[in-house]
Amino acid sequence: MDVQTVLLSPKGRIGPRTFLRGFILLTGGYMLMQLGEIFIAPVFGLLSLGFIYMYVCVFSKRLHDAGQSGWLYLLFLVGYIVVNTIITMVLLPMLTPHAYEMYMEFFGYVMNGDSVSAENFMQENQFVLARALSPTLIASFLLSSAVLGFVGSRLPSDPDSNRYGPPPGRGGASQTFS
């Protein structure tokens, strides 16, 4: 299988090694897009939306290899959000205490119902807060992605042909990028 097929087509099956290669490639590219959004221009945030489709394709094929529907990726997505939120909340005061203080100030305005102060705070501190949070957000993204990639790679492969096709490596399907 070539890179284009692995990243851009949700059909077929891929084994754990090909899954991990595609997943690592996507995670690195997505991280670069996040850094571009924070430090260069917000338009990078829009460019990173294309990565969602590629993640769906990679996970769908890996789920197909386990004999499951690609729609189960939604469970992976929910799990990622939960794990990422927990990791971020744990790391935030440790890695970026200044950003944590700013975040708590903003959260205080929101909790007190002072939407005008919350809006003013965000207008004045939006870019400073985004840059201050970047070490924590990158660390939590990488840790959460590692958990997600590990779980995806550990799915049991169906050794026989299933409704999604023959096992990777048989029937002309290559197990690696070409």
C-alpha atoms as a PDB file:
ATOM      1  CA  MET A   1       0.000   0.000   0.000  1.00  0.00           C
ATOM      2  CA  ASP A   2       1.254   3.468  -0.741  1.00  0.00           C
ATOM      3  CA  VAL A   3       1.032   6.506   1.503  1.00  0.00           C
ATOM      4  CA  GLN A   4      -1.839   7.984  -0.497  1.00  0.00           C
ATOM      5  CA  THR A   5      -3.947   4.842  -0.103  1.00  0.00           C
ATOM      6  CA  VAL A   6      -3.196   4.567   3.620  1.00  0.00           C
ATOM      7  CA  LEU A   7      -3.966   8.225   4.375  1.00  0.00           C
ATOM      8  CA  LEU A   8      -6.714   9.092   1.907  1.00  0.00           C
ATOM      9  CA  SER A   9      -8.923   6.023   1.513  1.00  0.00           C
ATOM     10  CA  PRO A  10     -11.092   4.614   4.316  1.00  0.00           C
ATOM     11  CA  LYS A  11     -11.564   1.314   2.434  1.00  0.00           C
ATOM     12  CA  GLY A  12      -9.570  -1.846   2.925  1.00  0.00           C
ATOM     13  CA  ARG A  13      -7.365  -3.091   5.723  1.00  0.00           C
ATOM     14  CA  ILE A  14      -3.966  -2.278   7.187  1.00  0.00           C
ATOM     15  CA  GLY A  15      -1.963  -4.134   9.788  1.00  0.00           C
ATOM     16  CA  PRO A  16      -0.476  -2.698  12.977  1.00  0.00           C
ATOM     17  CA  ARG A  17       2.882  -1.685  11.458  1.00  0.00           C
ATOM     18  CA  THR A  18       1.369   0.224   8.560  1.00  0.00           C
ATOM     19  CA  PHE A  19      -1.168   1.753  10.950  1.00  0.00           C
ATOM     20  CA  LEU A  20       1.604   3.008  13.241  1.00  0.00           C
ATOM     21  CA  ARG A  21       3.588   4.433  10.335  1.00  0.00           C
ATOM     22  CA  GLY A  22       0.570   6.334   9.048  1.00  0.00           C
ATOM     23  CA  PHE A  23      -0.447   7.392  12.541  1.00  0.00           C
ATOM     24  CA  ILE A  24       3.025   8.721  13.371  1.00  0.00           C
ATOM     25  CA  LEU A  25       3.169  10.604  10.066  1.00  0.00           C
ATOM     26  CA  LEU A  26      -0.240  12.175  10.740  1.00  0.00           C
ATOM     27  CA  THR A  27       0.597  13.031  14.335  1.00  0.00           C
ATOM     28  CA  GLY A  28       3.829  14.768  13.300  1.00  0.00           C
ATOM     29  CA  GLY A  29       2.078  16.718  10.556  1.00  0.00           C
ATOM     30  CA  TYR A  30      -0.785  17.685  12.826  1.00  0.00           C
ATOM     31  CA  MET A  31       1.624  18.879  15.502  1.00  0.00           C
ATOM     32  CA  LEU A  32       3.405  21.069  12.940  1.00  0.00           C
ATOM     33  CA  MET A  33       0.038  22.540  11.928  1.00  0.00           C
ATOM     34  CA  GLN A  34      -0.755  23.311  15.576  1.00  0.00           C
ATOM     35  CA  LEU A  35       2.594  25.059  15.994  1.00  0.00           C
ATOM     36  CA  GLY A  36       1.967  26.999  12.798  1.00  0.00           C
ATOM     37  CA  GLU A  37      -1.417  28.094  14.097  1.00  0.00           C
ATOM     38  CA  ILE A  38       0.053  29.299  17.391  1.00  0.00           C
ATOM     39  CA  PHE A  39       3.252  30.942  16.198  1.00  0.00           C
ATOM     40  CA  ILE A  40       2.698  31.898  12.550  1.00  0.00           C
ATOM     41  CA  ALA A  41      -0.944  32.449  11.554  1.00  0.00           C
ATOM     42  CA  PRO A  42      -4.391  31.216  12.598  1.00  0.00           C
ATOM     43  CA  VAL A  43      -5.024  29.968   9.039  1.00  0.00           C
ATOM     44  CA  PHE A  44      -2.967  26.884   9.916  1.00  0.00           C
ATOM     45  CA  GLY A  45      -5.866  25.855  12.139  1.00  0.00           C
ATOM     46  CA  LEU A  46      -8.040  25.555   9.049  1.00  0.00           C
ATOM     47  CA  LEU A  47      -5.384  23.554   7.217  1.00  0.00           C
ATOM     48  CA  SER A  48      -5.197  21.098  10.086  1.00  0.00           C
ATOM     49  CA  LEU A  49      -8.864  20.185   9.602  1.00  0.00           C
ATOM     50  CA  GLY A  50      -7.844  18.016   6.654  1.00  0.00           C
ATOM     51  CA  PHE A  51      -5.996  15.802   9.099  1.00  0.00           C
ATOM     52  CA  ILE A  52      -9.293  14.697  10.633  1.00  0.00           C
ATOM     53  CA  TYR A  53     -10.232  12.895   7.431  1.00  0.00           C
ATOM     54  CA  MET A  54      -6.821  11.230   7.240  1.00  0.00           C
ATOM     55  CA  TYR A  55      -7.115  10.033  10.846  1.00  0.00           C
ATOM     56  CA  VAL A  56     -10.548   8.601  10.007  1.00  0.00           C
ATOM     57  CA  CYS A  57      -9.051   6.750   7.019  1.00  0.00           C
ATOM     58  CA  VAL A  58      -6.155   5.256   8.979  1.00  0.00           C
ATOM     59  CA  PHE A  59      -8.309   4.187  11.920  1.00  0.00           C
ATOM     60  CA  SER A  60     -11.083   2.861   9.681  1.00  0.00           C
ATOM     61  CA  LYS A  61      -8.666   0.575   7.866  1.00  0.00           C
ATOM     62  CA  ARG A  62      -7.152  -0.602  11.145  1.00  0.00           C
ATOM     63  CA  LEU A  63     -10.630  -1.302  12.549  1.00  0.00           C
ATOM     64  CA  HIS A  64     -11.492  -3.134   9.325  1.00  0.00           C
ATOM     65  CA  ASP A  65      -8.430  -5.321   9.850  1.00  0.00           C
ATOM     66  CA  ALA A  66      -9.889  -6.254  13.242  1.00  0.00           C
ATOM     67  CA  GLY A  67     -13.230  -7.061  11.568  1.00  0.00           C
ATOM     68  CA  GLN A  68     -14.946  -3.968  12.977  1.00  0.00           C
ATOM     69  CA  SER A  69     -16.791  -1.056  11.424  1.00  0.00           C
ATOM     70  CA  GLY A  70     -14.855   2.147  10.780  1.00  0.00           C
ATOM     71  CA  TRP A  71     -17.594   3.980  12.674  1.00  0.00           C
ATOM     72  CA  LEU A  72     -16.032   2.713  15.895  1.00  0.00           C
ATOM     73  CA  TYR A  73     -13.451   5.450  15.333  1.00  0.00           C
ATOM     74  CA  LEU A  74     -15.946   7.723  17.060  1.00  0.00           C
ATOM     75  CA  LEU A  75     -15.231   5.815  20.289  1.00  0.00           C
ATOM     76  CA  PHE A  76     -11.520   6.421  19.773  1.00  0.00           C
ATOM     77  CA  LEU A  77     -12.264  10.103  19.251  1.00  0.00           C
ATOM     78  CA  VAL A  78     -14.304  10.361  22.455  1.00  0.00           C
ATOM     79  CA  GLY A  79     -11.575   8.480  24.328  1.00  0.00           C
ATOM     80  CA  TYR A  80      -8.965  10.843  22.926  1.00  0.00           C
ATOM     81  CA  ILE A  81     -10.930  13.894  24.055  1.00  0.00           C
ATOM     82  CA  VAL A  82     -11.355  12.515  27.578  1.00  0.00           C
ATOM     83  CA  VAL A  83      -7.701  11.451  27.924  1.00  0.00           C
ATOM     84  CA  ASN A  84      -6.444  14.721  26.426  1.00  0.00           C
ATOM     85  CA  THR A  85      -8.586  16.806  28.784  1.00  0.00           C
ATOM     86  CA  ILE A  86      -7.372  14.911  31.836  1.00  0.00           C
ATOM     87  CA  ILE A  87      -3.722  15.096  30.793  1.00  0.00           C
ATOM     88  CA  THR A  88      -4.034  18.813  30.014  1.00  0.00           C
ATOM     89  CA  MET A  89      -5.579  19.564  33.406  1.00  0.00           C
ATOM     90  CA  VAL A  90      -2.801  17.625  35.160  1.00  0.00           C
ATOM     91  CA  LEU A  91       0.048  19.170  33.153  1.00  0.00           C
ATOM     92  CA  LEU A  92      -1.226  22.757  32.957  1.00  0.00           C
ATOM     93  CA  PRO A  93      -0.221  23.929  36.450  1.00  0.00           C
ATOM     94  CA  MET A  94       3.070  21.988  36.279  1.00  0.00           C
ATOM     95  CA  LEU A  95       4.360  22.965  32.833  1.00  0.00           C
ATOM     96  CA  THR A  96       2.911  26.449  32.412  1.00  0.00           C
ATOM     97  CA  PRO A  97       1.955  27.990  35.784  1.00  0.00           C
ATOM     98  CA  HIS A  98       1.642  31.492  34.283  1.00  0.00           C
ATOM     99  CA  ALA A  99      -0.818  30.243  31.675  1.00  0.00           C
ATOM    100  CA  TYR A 100      -2.679  28.352  34.402  1.00  0.00           C
ATOM    101  CA  GLU A 101      -3.106  31.595  36.378  1.00  0.00           C
ATOM    102  CA  MET A 102      -4.380  33.390  33.280  1.00  0.00           C
ATOM    103  CA  TYR A 103      -6.762  30.540  32.517  1.00  0.00           C
ATOM    104  CA  MET A 104      -8.095  30.575  36.089  1.00  0.00           C
ATOM    105  CA  GLU A 105      -8.652  34.345  35.896  1.00  0.00           C
ATOM    106  CA  PHE A 106     -10.669  33.901  32.703  1.00  0.00           C
ATOM    107  CA  PHE A 107     -12.552  30.952  34.211  1.00  0.00           C
ATOM    108  CA  GLY A 108     -13.390  33.109  37.256  1.00  0.00           C
ATOM    109  CA  TYR A 109     -15.034  35.716  35.013  1.00  0.00           C
ATOM    110  CA  VAL A 110     -17.040  33.009  33.275  1.00  0.00           C
ATOM    111  CA  MET A 111     -18.158  31.365  36.522  1.00  0.00           C
ATOM    112  CA  ASN A 112     -19.233  34.724  37.972  1.00  0.00           C
ATOM    113  CA  GLY A 113     -21.327  35.438  34.886  1.00  0.00           C
ATOM    114  CA  ASP A 114     -19.195  38.462  33.985  1.00  0.00           C
ATOM    115  CA  SER A 115     -19.249  37.918  30.227  1.00  0.00           C
ATOM    116  CA  VAL A 116     -18.024  41.460  29.482  1.00  0.00           C
ATOM    117  CA  SER A 117     -14.865  40.983  31.560  1.00  0.00           C
ATOM    118  CA  ALA A 118     -14.353  37.497  30.113  1.00  0.00           C
ATOM    119  CA  GLU A 119     -14.651  38.845  26.575  1.00  0.00           C
ATOM    120  CA  ASN A 120     -12.321  41.772  27.296  1.00  0.00           C
ATOM    121  CA  PHE A 121      -9.807  39.429  28.923  1.00  0.00           C
ATOM    122  CA  MET A 122      -9.772  37.161  25.880  1.00  0.00           C
ATOM    123  CA  GLN A 123      -9.461  40.050  23.433  1.00  0.00           C
ATOM    124  CA  GLU A 124      -6.468  41.418  25.350  1.00  0.00           C
ATOM    125  CA  ASN A 125      -4.751  38.106  26.104  1.00  0.00           C
ATOM    126  CA  GLN A 126      -5.756  35.721  23.330  1.00  0.00           C
ATOM    127  CA  PHE A 127      -2.365  35.363  21.629  1.00  0.00           C
ATOM    128  CA  VAL A 128      -0.357  35.582  24.851  1.00  0.00           C
ATOM    129  CA  LEU A 129      -2.458  32.811  26.374  1.00  0.00           C
ATOM    130  CA  ALA A 130      -2.228  30.634  23.248  1.00  0.00           C
ATOM    131  CA  ARG A 131       1.558  30.879  23.213  1.00  0.00           C
ATOM    132  CA  ALA A 132       1.831  30.367  26.963  1.00  0.00           C
ATOM    133  CA  LEU A 133      -0.333  27.241  26.760  1.00  0.00           C
ATOM    134  CA  SER A 134       1.575  25.738  23.833  1.00  0.00           C
ATOM    135  CA  PRO A 135       4.044  23.577  25.847  1.00  0.00           C
ATOM    136  CA  THR A 136       1.194  21.996  27.797  1.00  0.00           C
ATOM    137  CA  LEU A 137      -1.006  21.536  24.746  1.00  0.00           C
ATOM    138  CA  ILE A 138       1.791  19.938  22.739  1.00  0.00           C
ATOM    139  CA  ALA A 139       2.742  17.607  25.597  1.00  0.00           C
ATOM    140  CA  SER A 140      -0.872  16.569  26.195  1.00  0.00           C
ATOM    141  CA  PHE A 141      -1.432  16.082  22.455  1.00  0.00           C
ATOM    142  CA  LEU A 142       1.616  13.830  22.161  1.00  0.00           C
ATOM    143  CA  LEU A 143       0.762  11.801  25.271  1.00  0.00           C
ATOM    144  CA  SER A 144      -2.884  11.396  24.260  1.00  0.00           C
ATOM    145  CA  SER A 145      -1.865  10.448  20.733  1.00  0.00           C
ATOM    146  CA  ALA A 146       0.578   7.875  22.091  1.00  0.00           C
ATOM    147  CA  VAL A 147      -2.238   6.252  24.085  1.00  0.00           C
ATOM    148  CA  LEU A 148      -4.551   6.294  21.064  1.00  0.00           C
ATOM    149  CA  GLY A 149      -1.881   4.896  18.744  1.00  0.00           C
ATOM    150  CA  PHE A 150      -0.994   2.145  21.205  1.00  0.00           C
ATOM    151  CA  VAL A 151      -4.613   1.044  21.534  1.00  0.00           C
ATOM    152  CA  GLY A 152      -5.109   1.159  17.750  1.00  0.00           C
ATOM    153  CA  SER A 153      -2.004  -0.889  17.102  1.00  0.00           C
ATOM    154  CA  ARG A 154      -3.003  -3.505  19.665  1.00  0.00           C
ATOM    155  CA  LEU A 155      -6.316  -4.334  18.006  1.00  0.00           C
ATOM    156  CA  PRO A 156      -6.326  -8.030  17.085  1.00  0.00           C
ATOM    157  CA  SER A 157      -6.022  -8.609  13.348  1.00  0.00           C
ATOM    158  CA  ASP A 158      -8.485 -10.948  11.649  1.00  0.00           C
ATOM    159  CA  PRO A 159      -6.235 -13.610  10.040  1.00  0.00           C
ATOM    160  CA  ASP A 160      -8.840 -14.463   7.394  1.00  0.00           C
ATOM    161  CA  SER A 161     -10.554 -12.450   4.721  1.00  0.00           C
ATOM    162  CA  ASN A 162     -13.488 -10.499   6.045  1.00  0.00           C
ATOM    163  CA  ARG A 163     -16.089  -8.188   4.524  1.00  0.00           C
ATOM    164  CA  TYR A 164     -13.416  -5.471   4.215  1.00  0.00           C
ATOM    165  CA  GLY A 165     -11.011  -7.544   2.143  1.00  0.00           C
ATOM    166  CA  PRO A 166      -8.143  -9.971   2.462  1.00  0.00           C
ATOM    167  CA  PRO A 167      -5.620  -9.677   5.291  1.00  0.00           C
ATOM    168  CA  PRO A 168      -2.824  -7.164   4.672  1.00  0.00           C
ATOM    169  CA  GLY A 169       0.074  -8.758   2.838  1.00  0.00           C
ATOM    170  CA  ARG A 170      -2.164 -11.126   0.838  1.00  0.00           C
ATOM    171  CA  GLY A 171      -3.911 -10.647  -2.456  1.00  0.00           C
ATOM    172  CA  GLY A 172      -1.394  -8.080  -3.657  1.00  0.00           C
ATOM    173  CA  ALA A 173      -1.840  -5.759  -0.672  1.00  0.00           C
ATOM    174  CA  SER A 174       1.486  -4.670   0.727  1.00  0.00           C
ATOM    175  CA  GLN A 175       2.008  -4.264   4.459  1.00  0.00           C
ATOM    176  CA  THR A 176       4.334  -1.259   4.163  1.00  0.00           C
ATOM    177  CA  PHE A 177       4.443   2.118   2.492  1.00  0.00           C
ATOM    178  CA  SER A 178       6.021   2.128  -0.923  1.00  0.00           C
END
